[in-house]
Amino acid sequence: MEKQQLAFLKSLVETPGVSGYEQAVQQVVRQYAESFCDTMTTDLHGNLILCKNPDAPVRVMLAGHADQIGLIVSHINDDGFIYTQTVGGWDPQQLIGQRMTIWSETGPVDGVIARKPIHLLDDAERKKVVKTKDLWIDIGANSKEDAAMIQIGDQVTFALGFQELINGRANSPAMDNRTGVWVVVEALRRCAEAGIECGLYAVATVQEEIGLRGAKTAAHAVAPHIGIAVDVTHATDCPTIDKHQNGDIRLGGGPVIVRGPNINPEVNARLKGIAKSNDIPVQHKALGRAAFNDSNALQVTRDGVAAGILAIPNRYMHSAVETIELSDLDHAATLLAKFIQSVTDQSDFVPTV
């Protein structure tokens, strides 16, 4: 990954954007992409829609959701401790012992989430699974007045930060799904350089983590013929994960082409064929239901869309240390760019026998 593109990824994951609070992330995308797209619009929902060739008769939409799981402030008690509600799918155990950031109007406020030390837990408490409602954020306050800079509804995230590992790997909160945003924007940049016949819409969608909401509204407006969601998928190359049901998905093995009822078979076949003819490493995954990502909304928009999923292997999803390999992102952008360059006015994605 080149220096400028790596800096873009770091900016994405180090910017807060809990579902419904994605504006700062969208500004990062705007600043990066304004030089290579023809149009750039933000809808009432907050989706950022980048377009190349807006007048082309055939439209392709790439969706990468800009939001991340997080918390929002729901109560501040008299001692200045902060209570929250979850936004998106949380395992409460992931929160214990974490450094957190509350994003107030006056700036970030650091805090921690913990529980009683093990020395003070009785036998029953040691066996109990902690519930989110029983956790609080400690910002160091002595009173409610000390926390006056914080408002009800402020977004809260893990302490953000990109950490590089060996073998071209990295971890950070919000790899789900700023990696997808990076891929769709980078695919558009590469298509802008190479030239394309179709109309390409790269969309940083909002509120995926609470019900695919942004993809529904953006896809209705774009009315794409072809729609590909780029999201993370579970890497299974670490202990305790069952490969029999989740597949053999490895960091560094390339992006994952998903196959199943949510996927248009012609899109799937073309992605596989382009990967093979261009020596792009890919992996394959089966999905026997409608996906829990933006491809679900894309597929059933208007009269139906030829939908696909290209996924980035991710270890430890919905945690503070989501781990990816940079080469998988780069290969995903290359594959999507080649796919889009292959789409013409004559392309037919109607399923055939």
Protein backbone atom coordinates (compact mmCIF):
# COMPACT_ATOMS: atom_id res chain seq x y z
CA MET A 1 0.00 0.00 0.00
CA GLU A 2 1.38 3.38 -1.00
CA LYS A 3 2.10 6.07 1.58
CA GLN A 4 -0.82 8.34 0.65
CA GLN A 5 -3.32 5.47 0.63
CA LEU A 6 -2.04 4.19 4.00
CA ALA A 7 -2.42 7.67 5.47
CA PHE A 8 -6.03 7.71 4.23
CA LEU A 9 -6.75 4.39 5.96
CA LYS A 10 -5.20 5.63 9.21
CA SER A 11 -7.29 8.80 9.07
CA LEU A 12 -10.44 6.74 8.55
CA VAL A 13 -9.93 4.43 11.54
CA GLU A 14 -8.72 7.24 13.81
CA THR A 15 -11.86 9.34 13.22
CA PRO A 16 -14.95 8.61 15.35
CA GLY A 17 -18.19 7.66 13.60
CA VAL A 18 -20.69 5.68 15.64
CA SER A 19 -23.92 4.90 13.75
CA GLY A 20 -25.77 8.18 13.31
CA TYR A 21 -22.62 10.21 14.00
CA GLU A 22 -20.66 9.59 10.79
CA GLN A 23 -20.14 13.23 9.71
CA ALA A 24 -16.45 13.48 10.66
CA VAL A 25 -15.65 10.27 8.77
CA GLN A 26 -17.46 11.55 5.70
CA GLN A 27 -15.37 14.71 5.84
CA VAL A 28 -12.19 12.61 5.73
CA VAL A 29 -13.51 10.88 2.60
CA ARG A 30 -14.53 14.19 1.01
CA GLN A 31 -11.09 15.69 1.44
CA TYR A 32 -9.38 12.63 0.00
CA ALA A 33 -11.68 11.98 -2.96
CA GLU A 34 -12.63 15.45 -4.20
CA SER A 35 -9.88 15.49 -6.85
CA PHE A 36 -10.87 12.30 -8.68
CA CYS A 37 -14.68 12.08 -8.72
CA ASP A 38 -17.06 14.00 -11.00
CA THR A 39 -19.76 14.61 -8.40
CA MET A 40 -19.89 14.37 -4.62
CA THR A 41 -23.16 14.63 -2.71
CA THR A 42 -24.43 14.02 0.80
CA ASP A 43 -28.07 13.04 1.21
CA LEU A 44 -30.43 13.81 4.09
CA HIS A 45 -29.53 10.51 5.72
CA GLY A 46 -25.80 11.31 5.72
CA ASN A 47 -24.65 8.92 2.98
CA LEU A 48 -21.71 10.32 0.99
CA ILE A 49 -22.11 9.47 -2.70
CA LEU A 50 -19.05 9.81 -4.97
CA CYS A 51 -19.64 9.39 -8.68
CA LYS A 52 -17.63 8.95 -11.85
CA ASN A 53 -19.53 9.20 -15.18
CA PRO A 54 -22.92 10.25 -13.76
CA ASP A 55 -24.56 10.30 -17.22
CA ALA A 56 -23.69 6.70 -18.13
CA PRO A 57 -26.76 4.48 -18.72
CA VAL A 58 -25.43 1.53 -16.67
CA ARG A 59 -24.83 2.25 -12.98
CA VAL A 60 -22.66 0.32 -10.54
CA MET A 61 -22.86 1.07 -6.81
CA LEU A 62 -20.11 0.11 -4.37
CA ALA A 63 -21.14 0.34 -0.71
CA GLY A 64 -18.76 0.53 2.24
CA HIS A 65 -20.41 1.52 5.51
CA ALA A 66 -18.80 4.39 7.36
CA ASP A 67 -20.28 3.73 10.80
CA GLN A 68 -18.82 1.75 13.67
CA ILE A 69 -20.31 0.20 16.79
CA GLY A 70 -20.11 2.37 19.87
CA LEU A 71 -21.96 3.79 22.83
CA ILE A 72 -23.93 6.95 23.55
CA VAL A 73 -24.19 8.75 26.87
CA SER A 74 -27.52 8.12 28.60
CA HIS A 75 -26.92 9.36 32.18
CA ILE A 76 -24.39 11.23 34.34
CA ASN A 77 -24.77 10.53 38.05
CA ASP A 78 -24.08 12.92 40.93
CA ASP A 79 -20.53 11.58 41.32
CA GLY A 80 -19.70 12.23 37.67
CA PHE A 81 -19.78 8.62 36.49
CA ILE A 82 -21.07 8.18 32.93
CA TYR A 83 -23.63 5.55 31.95
CA THR A 84 -24.29 4.60 28.34
CA GLN A 85 -26.42 2.71 25.84
CA THR A 86 -24.92 0.49 23.17
CA VAL A 87 -25.12 1.26 19.45
CA GLY A 88 -24.75 -1.87 17.32
CA GLY A 89 -23.89 -5.44 18.32
CA TRP A 90 -21.76 -5.60 21.47
CA ASP A 91 -20.23 -8.33 23.61
CA PRO A 92 -20.13 -6.50 26.96
CA GLN A 93 -17.02 -8.46 28.00
CA GLN A 94 -15.11 -6.52 25.32
CA LEU A 95 -15.69 -3.31 27.28
CA ILE A 96 -14.19 -4.30 30.62
CA GLY A 97 -10.79 -2.75 31.23
CA GLN A 98 -10.92 -0.55 28.13
CA ARG A 99 -9.83 3.02 27.59
CA MET A 100 -12.73 4.96 26.06
CA THR A 101 -13.27 8.36 24.47
CA ILE A 102 -16.39 10.47 24.83
CA TRP A 103 -16.67 12.83 21.85
CA SER A 104 -18.16 16.00 23.33
CA GLU A 105 -18.87 19.24 21.47
CA THR A 106 -15.84 20.82 23.14
CA GLY A 107 -13.50 17.96 22.28
CA PRO A 108 -12.63 14.37 23.24
CA VAL A 109 -12.87 13.35 26.88
CA ASP A 110 -10.86 10.31 27.96
CA GLY A 111 -12.23 7.72 30.34
CA VAL A 112 -12.06 4.07 31.37
CA ILE A 113 -14.49 1.22 31.87
CA ALA A 114 -13.65 -1.33 34.58
CA ARG A 115 -15.22 -3.37 37.35
CA LYS A 116 -14.38 -4.27 40.93
CA PRO A 117 -10.91 -5.82 41.29
CA ILE A 118 -10.87 -9.61 41.48
CA HIS A 119 -9.86 -9.36 45.16
CA LEU A 120 -13.25 -7.82 45.99
CA LEU A 121 -15.45 -10.15 43.91
CA ASP A 122 -17.32 -12.89 45.74
CA ASP A 123 -17.68 -16.35 44.17
CA ALA A 124 -21.03 -15.55 42.56
CA GLU A 125 -19.74 -12.30 41.06
CA ARG A 126 -16.69 -14.02 39.57
CA LYS A 127 -18.96 -16.41 37.65
CA LYS A 128 -21.43 -13.75 36.52
CA VAL A 129 -21.40 -12.45 32.95
CA VAL A 130 -21.25 -8.67 33.13
CA LYS A 131 -24.13 -6.74 31.53
CA THR A 132 -23.66 -3.43 29.75
CA LYS A 133 -26.13 -1.70 32.06
CA ASP A 134 -23.86 -2.49 35.01
CA LEU A 135 -20.81 -0.78 33.46
CA TRP A 136 -19.89 2.88 33.70
CA ILE A 137 -17.22 5.23 32.36
CA ASP A 138 -14.88 6.91 34.84
CA ILE A 139 -13.46 10.20 33.49
CA GLY A 140 -11.81 11.12 36.80
CA ALA A 141 -14.66 13.36 37.90
CA ASN A 142 -15.49 14.13 41.54
CA SER A 143 -18.99 15.38 40.78
CA LYS A 144 -21.59 15.84 38.08
CA GLU A 145 -20.32 19.39 37.65
CA ASP A 146 -16.87 18.03 36.69
CA ALA A 147 -18.56 16.30 33.75
CA ALA A 148 -20.44 19.40 32.56
CA MET A 149 -18.72 19.28 29.15
CA ILE A 150 -20.50 15.99 28.38
CA GLN A 151 -24.08 15.95 27.07
CA ILE A 152 -26.69 13.22 26.93
CA GLY A 153 -26.37 11.55 23.52
CA ASP A 154 -22.64 12.18 23.01
CA GLN A 155 -21.02 9.33 21.09
CA VAL A 156 -18.46 7.09 22.77
CA THR A 157 -15.83 4.85 21.18
CA PHE A 158 -12.90 2.74 22.19
CA ALA A 159 -9.75 4.87 22.37
CA LEU A 160 -8.89 5.08 18.68
CA GLY A 161 -5.50 4.27 17.19
CA PHE A 162 -3.90 2.36 14.32
CA GLN A 163 -1.22 -0.14 15.35
CA GLU A 164 0.98 -1.88 12.81
CA LEU A 165 1.93 -5.52 13.39
CA ILE A 166 4.43 -7.79 11.63
CA ASN A 167 3.72 -9.36 8.21
CA GLY A 168 1.90 -6.29 6.89
CA ARG A 169 -0.90 -6.59 9.43
CA ALA A 170 -2.52 -3.93 11.58
CA ASN A 171 -5.17 -3.57 14.26
CA SER A 172 -7.54 -0.81 15.26
CA PRO A 173 -11.08 -0.23 16.37
CA ALA A 174 -13.42 0.40 13.41
CA MET A 175 -11.62 -1.78 10.85
CA ASP A 176 -15.30 -2.80 10.54
CA ASN A 177 -15.93 -1.11 8.25
CA ARG A 178 -13.53 1.72 7.44
CA THR A 179 -11.63 -0.91 5.45
CA GLY A 180 -14.70 -1.20 3.22
CA VAL A 181 -14.85 2.58 2.81
CA TRP A 182 -11.16 2.58 1.87
CA VAL A 183 -11.68 -0.14 -0.74
CA VAL A 184 -14.65 1.46 -2.51
CA VAL A 185 -13.00 4.89 -2.60
CA GLU A 186 -9.69 3.46 -3.79
CA ALA A 187 -11.47 1.41 -6.46
CA LEU A 188 -13.08 4.63 -7.70
CA ARG A 189 -9.70 6.39 -7.76
CA ARG A 190 -8.17 3.59 -9.83
CA CYS A 191 -11.13 3.61 -12.21
CA ALA A 192 -10.83 7.37 -12.62
CA GLU A 193 -7.21 6.90 -13.70
CA ALA A 194 -7.90 3.97 -16.03
CA GLY A 195 -11.19 5.14 -17.55
CA ILE A 196 -14.56 3.35 -17.43
CA GLU A 197 -17.74 3.18 -19.55
CA CYS A 198 -20.29 2.66 -16.78
CA GLY A 199 -21.41 5.10 -14.13
CA LEU A 200 -19.63 4.31 -10.88
CA TYR A 201 -21.08 5.33 -7.51
CA ALA A 202 -18.83 4.72 -4.49
CA VAL A 203 -20.97 5.26 -1.41
CA ALA A 204 -19.86 5.60 2.20
CA THR A 205 -23.14 4.45 3.73
CA VAL A 206 -24.42 5.24 7.20
CA GLN A 207 -26.08 3.25 9.97
CA GLU A 208 -25.29 -0.24 8.68
CA GLU A 209 -24.68 -1.47 12.22
CA ILE A 210 -28.27 -0.71 13.26
CA GLY A 211 -30.13 -2.17 10.29
CA LEU A 212 -28.53 -1.39 6.89
CA ARG A 213 -30.38 1.92 6.94
CA GLY A 214 -28.07 4.07 4.82
CA ALA A 215 -27.71 1.50 2.06
CA LYS A 216 -31.48 1.38 1.66
CA THR A 217 -31.83 5.11 1.08
CA ALA A 218 -28.66 5.51 -1.00
CA ALA A 219 -29.50 2.58 -3.28
CA HIS A 220 -33.00 3.93 -3.84
CA ALA A 221 -31.51 7.25 -4.99
CA VAL A 222 -28.73 5.78 -7.15
CA ALA A 223 -30.95 3.05 -8.65
CA PRO A 224 -27.97 0.85 -9.55
CA HIS A 225 -28.08 -2.07 -11.95
CA ILE A 226 -25.18 -3.73 -10.11
CA GLY A 227 -24.38 -3.29 -6.42
CA ILE A 228 -21.43 -4.69 -4.49
CA ALA A 229 -21.06 -4.33 -0.74
CA VAL A 230 -17.55 -4.29 0.67
CA ASP A 231 -17.47 -5.27 4.33
CA VAL A 232 -15.39 -7.36 6.70
CA THR A 233 -15.85 -11.07 7.28
CA HIS A 234 -14.57 -13.33 10.03
CA ALA A 235 -11.03 -14.56 9.53
CA THR A 236 -10.91 -18.14 10.81
CA ASP A 237 -7.12 -18.52 11.01
CA CYS A 238 -6.98 -18.13 14.78
CA PRO A 239 -7.91 -20.50 17.62
CA THR A 240 -11.48 -21.47 18.61
CA ILE A 241 -13.30 -20.69 15.32
CA ASP A 242 -15.09 -23.52 13.50
CA LYS A 243 -13.93 -23.68 9.88
CA HIS A 244 -16.62 -26.24 9.02
CA GLN A 245 -19.32 -23.58 9.16
CA ASN A 246 -17.33 -20.38 8.68
CA GLY A 247 -14.88 -21.51 6.00
CA ASP A 248 -11.09 -21.38 5.87
CA ILE A 249 -10.52 -17.63 5.65
CA ARG A 250 -7.02 -16.31 6.26
CA LEU A 251 -5.42 -12.91 6.66
CA GLY A 252 -3.30 -12.31 3.57
CA GLY A 253 -5.20 -14.83 1.46
CA GLY A 254 -6.88 -12.08 -0.51
CA PRO A 255 -10.40 -10.63 -0.41
CA VAL A 256 -13.33 -13.02 0.00
CA ILE A 257 -15.86 -13.55 -2.80
CA VAL A 258 -19.14 -14.62 -1.21
CA ARG A 259 -21.59 -17.01 -2.86
CA GLY A 260 -25.17 -17.79 -1.89
CA PRO A 261 -28.79 -16.60 -2.29
CA ASN A 262 -27.95 -12.94 -1.57
CA ILE A 263 -25.52 -12.96 -4.51
CA ASN A 264 -26.24 -12.57 -8.21
CA PRO A 265 -24.56 -15.59 -9.89
CA GLU A 266 -23.32 -13.55 -12.85
CA VAL A 267 -21.65 -11.02 -10.54
CA ASN A 268 -20.07 -13.88 -8.61
CA ALA A 269 -18.81 -15.57 -11.78
CA ARG A 270 -17.38 -12.36 -13.21
CA LEU A 271 -15.54 -11.53 -9.98
CA LYS A 272 -14.02 -15.01 -9.92
CA GLY A 273 -13.08 -14.88 -13.60
CA ILE A 274 -11.45 -11.47 -13.32
CA ALA A 275 -9.49 -12.54 -10.24
CA LYS A 276 -8.21 -15.61 -12.09
CA SER A 277 -7.26 -13.81 -15.32
CA ASN A 278 -5.44 -11.05 -13.42
CA ASP A 279 -3.70 -13.29 -10.85
CA ILE A 280 -5.46 -11.56 -7.96
CA PRO A 281 -5.52 -13.81 -4.88
CA VAL A 282 -9.04 -14.40 -3.57
CA GLN A 283 -10.81 -16.65 -1.10
CA HIS A 284 -14.35 -18.04 -1.19
CA LYS A 285 -17.13 -18.21 1.36
CA ALA A 286 -20.65 -19.66 1.35
CA LEU A 287 -23.54 -17.72 2.87
CA GLY A 288 -26.86 -19.56 3.02
CA ARG A 289 -29.07 -16.61 4.00
CA ALA A 290 -29.56 -12.93 3.36
CA ALA A 291 -26.41 -11.15 4.52
CA PHE A 292 -26.22 -8.95 7.60
CA ASN A 293 -24.56 -6.22 5.55
CA ASP A 294 -25.37 -3.65 2.88
CA SER A 295 -25.67 -6.26 0.12
CA ASN A 296 -28.99 -7.31 1.68
CA ALA A 297 -30.47 -3.85 1.10
CA LEU A 298 -28.84 -3.51 -2.32
CA GLN A 299 -30.28 -6.75 -3.66
CA VAL A 300 -33.92 -5.84 -3.04
CA THR A 301 -33.85 -2.15 -3.98
CA ARG A 302 -36.53 -1.04 -6.45
CA ASP A 303 -36.93 -3.80 -9.08
CA GLY A 304 -33.92 -5.73 -7.81
CA VAL A 305 -30.16 -5.27 -8.19
CA ALA A 306 -27.44 -7.70 -9.30
CA ALA A 307 -25.76 -7.88 -5.90
CA GLY A 308 -22.37 -9.07 -4.77
CA ILE A 309 -20.21 -9.13 -1.65
CA LEU A 310 -16.46 -8.67 -1.51
CA ALA A 311 -15.22 -9.11 2.04
CA ILE A 312 -12.04 -8.28 3.95
CA PRO A 313 -10.81 -10.95 6.40
CA ASN A 314 -10.91 -9.55 9.93
CA ARG A 315 -9.88 -11.15 13.21
CA TYR A 316 -11.60 -10.20 16.49
CA MET A 317 -14.57 -8.35 14.95
CA HIS A 318 -16.43 -5.81 17.12
CA SER A 319 -13.50 -5.40 19.49
CA ALA A 320 -10.81 -2.80 20.17
CA VAL A 321 -8.22 -4.82 18.24
CA GLU A 322 -9.83 -5.75 14.91
CA THR A 323 -6.95 -7.11 12.86
CA ILE A 324 -6.53 -7.11 9.08
CA GLU A 325 -3.76 -7.51 6.51
CA LEU A 326 -3.14 -4.50 4.28
CA SER A 327 -2.54 -6.57 1.15
CA ASP A 328 -6.14 -7.87 1.30
CA LEU A 329 -7.44 -4.30 1.00
CA ASP A 330 -5.17 -3.53 -1.93
CA HIS A 331 -6.18 -6.69 -3.79
CA ALA A 332 -9.85 -5.94 -3.14
CA ALA A 333 -9.54 -2.47 -4.68
CA THR A 334 -7.72 -3.90 -7.69
CA LEU A 335 -10.35 -6.61 -8.23
CA LEU A 336 -13.23 -4.14 -8.00
CA ALA A 337 -11.55 -1.70 -10.37
CA LYS A 338 -11.00 -4.48 -12.94
CA PHE A 339 -14.60 -5.62 -12.51
CA ILE A 340 -15.96 -2.12 -13.08
CA GLN A 341 -13.74 -1.60 -16.12
CA SER A 342 -15.33 -4.74 -17.61
CA VAL A 343 -18.89 -3.37 -17.34
CA THR A 344 -20.29 -1.86 -20.55
CA ASP A 345 -23.70 -0.96 -21.96
CA GLN A 346 -23.89 -4.50 -23.31
CA SER A 347 -23.19 -6.27 -20.00
CA ASP A 348 -25.95 -8.63 -18.94
CA PHE A 349 -26.27 -9.78 -15.33
CA VAL A 350 -29.61 -11.55 -15.64
CA PRO A 351 -29.10 -15.04 -14.13
CA THR A 352 -28.92 -17.81 -16.73
CA VAL A 353 -28.91 -21.59 -16.60
